PDB file of N, CA and C in Angstrom:
ATOM      1  N   MET A   1     -82.972  88.977 170.766  1.00  0.00           N
ATOM      2  CA  MET A   1     -81.438  88.317 170.193  1.00  0.00           C
ATOM      3  C   MET A   1     -82.006  87.602 168.727  1.00  0.00           C
ATOM      4  N   PRO A   2     -81.723  88.543 168.034  1.00  0.00           N
ATOM      5  CA  PRO A   2     -82.581  87.289 166.305  1.00  0.00           C
ATOM      6  C   PRO A   2     -81.675  86.018 166.319  1.00  0.00           C
ATOM      7  N   TYR A   3     -80.459  85.575 166.690  1.00  0.00           N
ATOM      8  CA  TYR A   3     -80.454  83.960 166.939  1.00  0.00           C
ATOM      9  C   TYR A   3     -81.524  82.940 167.865  1.00  0.00           C
ATOM     10  N   GLU A   4     -81.825  83.771 168.335  1.00  0.00           N
ATOM     11  CA  GLU A   4     -82.723  82.776 169.509  1.00  0.00           C
ATOM     12  C   GLU A   4     -83.257  81.825 168.578  1.00  0.00           C
ATOM     13  N   ARG A   5     -83.999  82.291 167.310  1.00  0.00           N
ATOM     14  CA  ARG A   5     -85.205  81.071 167.085  1.00  0.00           C
ATOM     15  C   ARG A   5     -84.038  79.963 166.336  1.00  0.00           C
ATOM     16  N   LEU A   6     -82.531  80.188 166.318  1.00  0.00           N
ATOM     17  CA  LEU A   6     -81.843  79.492 165.427  1.00  0.00           C
ATOM     18  C   LEU A   6     -81.364  78.728 166.613  1.00  0.00           C
ATOM     19  N   ARG A   7     -80.774  79.257 167.558  1.00  0.00           N
ATOM     20  CA  ARG A   7     -80.249  78.606 168.852  1.00  0.00           C
ATOM     21  C   ARG A   7     -81.154  77.777 169.110  1.00  0.00           C
ATOM     22  N   VAL A   8     -82.545  77.471 169.580  1.00  0.00           N
ATOM     23  CA  VAL A   8     -83.293  76.315 169.980  1.00  0.00           C
ATOM     24  C   VAL A   8     -83.988  75.605 168.467  1.00  0.00           C
ATOM     25  N   ALA A   9     -83.301  75.990 167.479  1.00  0.00           N
ATOM     26  CA  ALA A   9     -84.093  74.641 166.838  1.00  0.00           C
ATOM     27  C   ALA A   9     -83.798  73.518 166.835  1.00  0.00           C
ATOM     28  N   LYS A  10     -84.503  72.785 166.473  1.00  0.00           N
ATOM     29  CA  LYS A  10     -84.240  71.421 166.417  1.00  0.00           C
ATOM     30  C   LYS A  10     -82.958  70.694 165.104  1.00  0.00           C
ATOM     31  N   LYS A  11     -83.881  71.315 164.209  1.00  0.00           N
ATOM     32  CA  LYS A  11     -83.496  70.962 162.979  1.00  0.00           C
ATOM     33  C   LYS A  11     -82.367  72.215 162.495  1.00  0.00           C
ATOM     34  N   LYS A  12     -81.972  72.404 162.005  1.00  0.00           N
ATOM     35  CA  LYS A  12     -80.686  73.163 161.257  1.00  0.00           C
ATOM     36  C   LYS A  12     -79.727  73.102 160.251  1.00  0.00           C
ATOM     37  N   SER A  13     -78.757  73.740 159.224  1.00  0.00           N
ATOM     38  CA  SER A  13     -78.423  73.633 158.606  1.00  0.00           C
ATOM     39  C   SER A  13     -77.228  74.544 158.594  1.00  0.00           C
ATOM     40  N   VAL A  14     -75.613  74.395 159.015  1.00  0.00           N
ATOM     41  CA  VAL A  14     -75.257  74.887 158.919  1.00  0.00           C
ATOM     42  C   VAL A  14     -73.830  75.154 157.736  1.00  0.00           C
ATOM     43  N   GLY A  15     -73.337  76.506 156.805  1.00  0.00           N
ATOM     44  CA  GLY A  15     -72.716  76.459 156.092  1.00  0.00           C
ATOM     45  C   GLY A  15     -73.472  76.579 154.620  1.00  0.00           C
ATOM     46  N   THR A  16     -72.393  77.511 153.859  1.00  0.00           N
ATOM     47  CA  THR A  16     -73.474  77.933 152.496  1.00  0.00           C
ATOM     48  C   THR A  16     -73.860  76.914 151.554  1.00  0.00           C
ATOM     49  N   LYS A  17     -73.160  75.805 151.278  1.00  0.00           N
ATOM     50  CA  LYS A  17     -73.136  74.499 150.722  1.00  0.00           C
ATOM     51  C   LYS A  17     -74.299  73.851 151.300  1.00  0.00           C
ATOM     52  N   GLN A  18     -74.825  73.686 152.387  1.00  0.00           N
ATOM     53  CA  GLN A  18     -75.619  72.688 153.373  1.00  0.00           C
ATOM     54  C   GLN A  18     -76.800  73.648 153.051  1.00  0.00           C
ATOM     55  N   VAL A  19     -76.848  74.979 153.228  1.00  0.00           N
ATOM     56  CA  VAL A  19     -78.079  75.550 153.347  1.00  0.00           C
ATOM     57  C   VAL A  19     -78.890  75.695 151.860  1.00  0.00           C
ATOM     58  N   THR A  20     -77.577  75.801 150.740  1.00  0.00           N
ATOM     59  CA  THR A  20     -77.982  76.237 149.553  1.00  0.00           C
ATOM     60  C   THR A  20     -78.673  75.049 149.339  1.00  0.00           C
ATOM     61  N   LYS A  21     -78.334  73.465 149.668  1.00  0.00           N
ATOM     62  CA  LYS A  21     -79.333  72.583 149.342  1.00  0.00           C
ATOM     63  C   LYS A  21     -80.503  72.481 149.907  1.00  0.00           C
ATOM     64  N   ALA A  22     -80.647  72.903 151.395  1.00  0.00           N
ATOM     65  CA  ALA A  22     -81.678  72.776 151.687  1.00  0.00           C
ATOM     66  C   ALA A  22     -82.669  73.630 151.159  1.00  0.00           C
ATOM     67  N   VAL A  23     -82.463  75.014 150.863  1.00  0.00           N
ATOM     68  CA  VAL A  23     -83.276  76.003 150.173  1.00  0.00           C
ATOM     69  C   VAL A  23     -83.643  75.382 148.537  1.00  0.00           C
ATOM     70  N   MET A  24     -83.037  74.335 148.105  1.00  0.00           N
ATOM     71  CA  MET A  24     -83.185  74.197 146.946  1.00  0.00           C
ATOM     72  C   MET A  24     -84.663  73.028 146.847  1.00  0.00           C
ATOM     73  N   LYS A  25     -83.543  72.140 148.042  1.00  0.00           N
ATOM     74  CA  LYS A  25     -84.863  71.382 148.160  1.00  0.00           C
ATOM     75  C   LYS A  25     -86.063  71.592 149.094  1.00  0.00           C
ATOM     76  N   GLY A  26     -86.400  72.838 149.432  1.00  0.00           N
ATOM     77  CA  GLY A  26     -87.755  73.626 149.944  1.00  0.00           C
ATOM     78  C   GLY A  26     -87.453  73.069 151.330  1.00  0.00           C
ATOM     79  N   THR A  27     -86.879  72.633 151.957  1.00  0.00           N
ATOM     80  CA  THR A  27     -86.940  72.407 153.224  1.00  0.00           C
ATOM     81  C   THR A  27     -86.353  73.962 154.278  1.00  0.00           C
ATOM     82  N   ALA A  28     -85.756  74.598 153.839  1.00  0.00           N
ATOM     83  CA  ALA A  28     -85.168  76.434 154.637  1.00  0.00           C
ATOM     84  C   ALA A  28     -86.375  76.792 155.294  1.00  0.00           C
ATOM     85  N   ARG A  29     -86.476  76.930 156.302  1.00  0.00           N
ATOM     86  CA  ARG A  29     -87.763  78.222 156.822  1.00  0.00           C
ATOM     87  C   ARG A  29     -87.159  79.289 156.945  1.00  0.00           C
ATOM     88  N   VAL A  30     -85.926  79.550 157.421  1.00  0.00           N
ATOM     89  CA  VAL A  30     -85.434  80.828 157.845  1.00  0.00           C
ATOM     90  C   VAL A  30     -83.749  80.524 157.358  1.00  0.00           C
ATOM     91  N   VAL A  31     -83.513  81.906 156.768  1.00  0.00           N
ATOM     92  CA  VAL A  31     -81.754  81.855 156.374  1.00  0.00           C
ATOM     93  C   VAL A  31     -81.376  82.582 156.959  1.00  0.00           C
ATOM     94  N   TYR A  32     -79.976  82.363 157.555  1.00  0.00           N
ATOM     95  CA  TYR A  32     -79.410  83.402 158.408  1.00  0.00           C
ATOM     96  C   TYR A  32     -77.930  83.963 157.850  1.00  0.00           C
ATOM     97  N   ILE A  33     -77.724  85.194 157.265  1.00  0.00           N
ATOM     98  CA  ILE A  33     -76.414  85.400 156.496  1.00  0.00           C
ATOM     99  C   ILE A  33     -75.661  86.262 157.289  1.00  0.00           C
ATOM    100  N   ALA A  34     -74.377  85.767 157.456  1.00  0.00           N
ATOM    101  CA  ALA A  34     -73.337  87.042 158.094  1.00  0.00           C
ATOM    102  C   ALA A  34     -72.898  88.561 157.188  1.00  0.00           C
ATOM    103  N   ASN A  35     -73.359  89.759 157.698  1.00  0.00           N
ATOM    104  CA  ASN A  35     -72.780  90.584 157.422  1.00  0.00           C
ATOM    105  C   ASN A  35     -71.305  90.651 156.598  1.00  0.00           C
ATOM    106  N   ASP A  36     -70.809  90.224 157.664  1.00  0.00           N
ATOM    107  CA  ASP A  36     -68.892  89.891 156.772  1.00  0.00           C
ATOM    108  C   ASP A  36     -68.519  88.665 156.165  1.00  0.00           C
ATOM    109  N   ALA A  37     -69.191  88.132 155.761  1.00  0.00           N
ATOM    110  CA  ALA A  37     -68.954  86.714 154.889  1.00  0.00           C
ATOM    111  C   ALA A  37     -68.769  87.930 153.495  1.00  0.00           C
ATOM    112  N   GLU A  38     -68.069  87.103 152.544  1.00  0.00           N
ATOM    113  CA  GLU A  38     -67.974  87.044 150.760  1.00  0.00           C
ATOM    114  C   GLU A  38     -69.072  87.413 150.187  1.00  0.00           C
ATOM    115  N   THR A  39     -69.546  88.371 149.538  1.00  0.00           N
ATOM    116  CA  THR A  39     -70.345  88.054 148.648  1.00  0.00           C
ATOM    117  C   THR A  39     -70.394  87.066 147.858  1.00  0.00           C
ATOM    118  N   ARG A  40     -69.147  87.051 146.918  1.00  0.00           N
ATOM    119  CA  ARG A  40     -69.230  85.784 146.202  1.00  0.00           C
ATOM    120  C   ARG A  40     -69.467  84.489 146.815  1.00  0.00           C
ATOM    121  N   VAL A  41     -69.450  84.448 147.963  1.00  0.00           N
ATOM    122  CA  VAL A  41     -69.842  83.121 148.851  1.00  0.00           C
ATOM    123  C   VAL A  41     -71.472  83.157 148.661  1.00  0.00           C
ATOM    124  N   THR A  42     -71.851  84.180 149.762  1.00  0.00           N
ATOM    125  CA  THR A  42     -73.349  84.545 150.394  1.00  0.00           C
ATOM    126  C   THR A  42     -74.461  85.185 148.406  1.00  0.00           C
ATOM    127  N   GLY A  43     -73.563  86.000 148.156  1.00  0.00           N
ATOM    128  CA  GLY A  43     -74.570  86.100 146.839  1.00  0.00           C
ATOM    129  C   GLY A  43     -75.485  85.431 146.841  1.00  0.00           C
ATOM    130  N   PRO A  44     -74.899  84.263 146.040  1.00  0.00           N
ATOM    131  CA  PRO A  44     -76.059  83.307 144.980  1.00  0.00           C
ATOM    132  C   PRO A  44     -76.772  82.844 146.174  1.00  0.00           C
ATOM    133  N   LEU A  45     -76.790  82.496 147.628  1.00  0.00           N
ATOM    134  CA  LEU A  45     -77.639  81.846 148.163  1.00  0.00           C
ATOM    135  C   LEU A  45     -79.039  82.917 148.261  1.00  0.00           C
ATOM    136  N   ILE A  46     -78.325  84.203 148.744  1.00  0.00           N
ATOM    137  CA  ILE A  46     -79.125  85.259 148.769  1.00  0.00           C
ATOM    138  C   ILE A  46     -80.323  85.692 147.399  1.00  0.00           C
ATOM    139  N   GLN A  47     -79.977  85.494 146.748  1.00  0.00           N
ATOM    140  CA  GLN A  47     -80.635  85.523 145.151  1.00  0.00           C
ATOM    141  C   GLN A  47     -81.463  84.071 145.239  1.00  0.00           C
ATOM    142  N   LEU A  48     -80.852  83.104 145.551  1.00  0.00           N
ATOM    143  CA  LEU A  48     -81.763  81.702 145.815  1.00  0.00           C
ATOM    144  C   LEU A  48     -82.578  81.818 146.623  1.00  0.00           C
ATOM    145  N   CYS A  49     -82.623  82.503 147.670  1.00  0.00           N
ATOM    146  CA  CYS A  49     -83.564  82.655 149.022  1.00  0.00           C
ATOM    147  C   CYS A  49     -84.763  83.737 148.541  1.00  0.00           C
ATOM    148  N   ARG A  50     -84.279  84.291 147.556  1.00  0.00           N
ATOM    149  CA  ARG A  50     -85.701  85.645 147.073  1.00  0.00           C
ATOM    150  C   ARG A  50     -86.075  84.677 145.902  1.00  0.00           C
ATOM    151  N   ASP A  51     -85.804  84.353 145.049  1.00  0.00           N
ATOM    152  CA  ASP A  51     -86.382  83.363 144.188  1.00  0.00           C
ATOM    153  C   ASP A  51     -87.487  82.485 144.441  1.00  0.00           C
ATOM    154  N   ARG A  52     -87.194  81.840 145.983  1.00  0.00           N
ATOM    155  CA  ARG A  52     -88.222  80.649 146.451  1.00  0.00           C
ATOM    156  C   ARG A  52     -88.804  81.335 147.775  1.00  0.00           C
ATOM    157  N   GLY A  53     -88.519  82.952 147.742  1.00  0.00           N
ATOM    158  CA  GLY A  53     -89.652  83.111 148.881  1.00  0.00           C
ATOM    159  C   GLY A  53     -88.939  82.873 150.426  1.00  0.00           C
ATOM    160  N   VAL A  54     -87.667  82.685 150.457  1.00  0.00           N
ATOM    161  CA  VAL A  54     -87.290  82.074 151.610  1.00  0.00           C
ATOM    162  C   VAL A  54     -86.774  83.726 152.506  1.00  0.00           C
ATOM    163  N   GLU A  55     -86.973  83.677 154.229  1.00  0.00           N
ATOM    164  CA  GLU A  55     -86.812  84.050 154.660  1.00  0.00           C
ATOM    165  C   GLU A  55     -85.428  84.519 155.117  1.00  0.00           C
ATOM    166  N   ILE A  56     -84.765  85.517 154.666  1.00  0.00           N
ATOM    167  CA  ILE A  56     -83.581  86.128 154.567  1.00  0.00           C
ATOM    168  C   ILE A  56     -83.045  86.595 156.426  1.00  0.00           C
ATOM    169  N   ILE A  57     -82.415  86.492 157.039  1.00  0.00           N
ATOM    170  CA  ILE A  57     -81.848  87.284 158.415  1.00  0.00           C
ATOM    171  C   ILE A  57     -80.653  87.851 158.210  1.00  0.00           C
ATOM    172  N   ARG A  58     -80.343  89.359 158.269  1.00  0.00           N
ATOM    173  CA  ARG A  58     -78.744  89.303 158.485  1.00  0.00           C
ATOM    174  C   ARG A  58     -78.040  89.455 159.513  1.00  0.00           C
ATOM    175  N   VAL A  59     -77.318  89.275 159.933  1.00  0.00           N
ATOM    176  CA  VAL A  59     -76.473  89.023 161.592  1.00  0.00           C
ATOM    177  C   VAL A  59     -75.060  89.838 161.050  1.00  0.00           C
ATOM    178  N   GLU A  60     -74.531  90.030 162.292  1.00  0.00           N
ATOM    179  CA  GLU A  60     -73.605  91.178 162.231  1.00  0.00           C
ATOM    180  C   GLU A  60     -72.527  90.386 162.019  1.00  0.00           C
ATOM    181  N   SER A  61     -71.848  89.430 162.356  1.00  0.00           N
ATOM    182  CA  SER A  61     -70.616  88.701 161.791  1.00  0.00           C
ATOM    183  C   SER A  61     -70.854  86.848 161.916  1.00  0.00           C
ATOM    184  N   MET A  62     -69.527  86.806 161.068  1.00  0.00           N
ATOM    185  CA  MET A  62     -69.648  85.304 160.803  1.00  0.00           C
ATOM    186  C   MET A  62     -69.705  84.223 162.263  1.00  0.00           C
ATOM    187  N   GLN A  63     -68.579  84.917 162.981  1.00  0.00           N
ATOM    188  CA  GLN A  63     -68.869  84.596 164.558  1.00  0.00           C
ATOM    189  C   GLN A  63     -69.738  84.236 165.580  1.00  0.00           C
ATOM    190  N   GLU A  64     -70.550  85.341 165.739  1.00  0.00           N
ATOM    191  CA  GLU A  64     -71.866  85.623 165.818  1.00  0.00           C
ATOM    192  C   GLU A  64     -72.587  84.494 165.598  1.00  0.00           C
ATOM    193  N   LEU A  65     -72.213  84.635 164.040  1.00  0.00           N
ATOM    194  CA  LEU A  65     -73.498  83.161 163.823  1.00  0.00           C
ATOM    195  C   LEU A  65     -73.001  81.546 164.160  1.00  0.00           C
ATOM    196  N   GLY A  66     -71.993  81.396 164.096  1.00  0.00           N
ATOM    197  CA  GLY A  66     -71.158  79.968 164.236  1.00  0.00           C
ATOM    198  C   GLY A  66     -71.442  79.866 165.841  1.00  0.00           C
ATOM    199  N   GLN A  67     -71.531  80.845 166.745  1.00  0.00           N
ATOM    200  CA  GLN A  67     -71.571  81.063 168.058  1.00  0.00           C
ATOM    201  C   GLN A  67     -73.530  80.154 168.461  1.00  0.00           C
ATOM    202  N   ALA A  68     -73.956  80.515 167.443  1.00  0.00           N
ATOM    203  CA  ALA A  68     -75.298  80.391 167.762  1.00  0.00           C
ATOM    204  C   ALA A  68     -75.835  79.078 167.155  1.00  0.00           C
ATOM    205  N   CYS A  69     -74.910  78.841 166.083  1.00  0.00           N
ATOM    206  CA  CYS A  69     -74.953  77.750 165.974  1.00  0.00           C
ATOM    207  C   CYS A  69     -74.233  76.093 166.709  1.00  0.00           C
ATOM    208  N   GLY A  70     -73.511  76.547 167.875  1.00  0.00           N
ATOM    209  CA  GLY A  70     -72.958  76.114 168.753  1.00  0.00           C
ATOM    210  C   GLY A  70     -71.756  75.216 168.103  1.00  0.00           C
ATOM    211  N   ILE A  71     -71.060  75.696 167.298  1.00  0.00           N
ATOM    212  CA  ILE A  71     -69.992  75.579 166.450  1.00  0.00           C
ATOM    213  C   ILE A  71     -68.790  76.510 167.143  1.00  0.00           C
ATOM    214  N   GLU A  72     -67.071  75.968 166.830  1.00  0.00           N
ATOM    215  CA  GLU A  72     -66.099  76.839 167.384  1.00  0.00           C
ATOM    216  C   GLU A  72     -65.651  78.012 166.593  1.00  0.00           C
ATOM    217  N   VAL A  73     -65.957  78.031 165.285  1.00  0.00           N
ATOM    218  CA  VAL A  73     -66.342  78.590 163.982  1.00  0.00           C
ATOM    219  C   VAL A  73     -66.617  78.948 163.470  1.00  0.00           C
ATOM    220  N   GLY A  74     -66.427  80.221 162.646  1.00  0.00           N
ATOM    221  CA  GLY A  74     -67.495  81.344 161.782  1.00  0.00           C
ATOM    222  C   GLY A  74     -68.039  80.502 161.009  1.00  0.00           C
ATOM    223  N   SER A  75     -69.507  81.172 160.525  1.00  0.00           N
ATOM    224  CA  SER A  75     -70.070  80.162 159.490  1.00  0.00           C
ATOM    225  C   SER A  75     -70.793  81.346 158.692  1.00  0.00           C
ATOM    226  N   ALA A  76     -71.073  81.449 157.525  1.00  0.00           N
ATOM    227  CA  ALA A  76     -71.433  82.770 156.661  1.00  0.00           C
ATOM    228  C   ALA A  76     -72.785  82.780 156.598  1.00  0.00           C
ATOM    229  N   SER A  77     -73.359  81.564 156.842  1.00  0.00           N
ATOM    230  CA  SER A  77     -74.771  80.994 156.257  1.00  0.00           C
ATOM    231  C   SER A  77     -75.474  80.139 157.121  1.00  0.00           C
ATOM    232  N   ALA A  78     -76.576  80.013 158.040  1.00  0.00           N
ATOM    233  CA  ALA A  78     -77.339  79.072 158.240  1.00  0.00           C
ATOM    234  C   ALA A  78     -78.482  79.345 157.924  1.00  0.00           C
ATOM    235  N   ALA A  79     -79.097  77.514 158.464  1.00  0.00           N
ATOM    236  CA  ALA A  79     -80.628  77.885 158.167  1.00  0.00           C
ATOM    237  C   ALA A  79     -81.523  77.177 159.032  1.00  0.00           C
ATOM    238  N   ILE A  80     -82.943  77.240 159.364  1.00  0.00           N
ATOM    239  CA  ILE A  80     -83.416  76.638 160.525  1.00  0.00           C
ATOM    240  C   ILE A  80     -84.423  76.442 159.280  1.00  0.00           C
ATOM    241  N   LEU A  81     -84.075  74.766 159.199  1.00  0.00           N
ATOM    242  CA  LEU A  81     -85.048  73.582 158.632  1.00  0.00           C
ATOM    243  C   LEU A  81     -86.539  73.259 159.446  1.00  0.00           C
ATOM    244  N   GLU A  82     -87.198  72.638 158.492  1.00  0.00           N
ATOM    245  CA  GLU A  82     -89.089  72.615 158.845  1.00  0.00           C
ATOM    246  C   GLU A  82     -88.542  71.227 159.633  1.00  0.00           C
ATOM    247  N   GLU A  83     -89.147  71.327 160.726  1.00  0.00           N
ATOM    248  CA  GLU A  83     -89.086  70.035 161.767  1.00  0.00           C
ATOM    249  C   GLU A  83     -90.000  68.928 160.556  1.00  0.00           C
TER     250      GLU A  83
END
């Protein structure tokens, strides 16, 4: 299950704004992007991750990503932060 690392991570960030901040600060280790999220939302984050060399893991849906983060709603992106 690709979400297992995310599910057990002690420190994580959920939501594109928060994940973008984490990538810019250099604290994001792995970024998860939902395939069904709008490209205008995730596109700039994906480019930022590529520029900064942050690993990207694509997941099927926002709903699955939200569940992996332990929240009731879907999420376009999430990140595991360094401890």
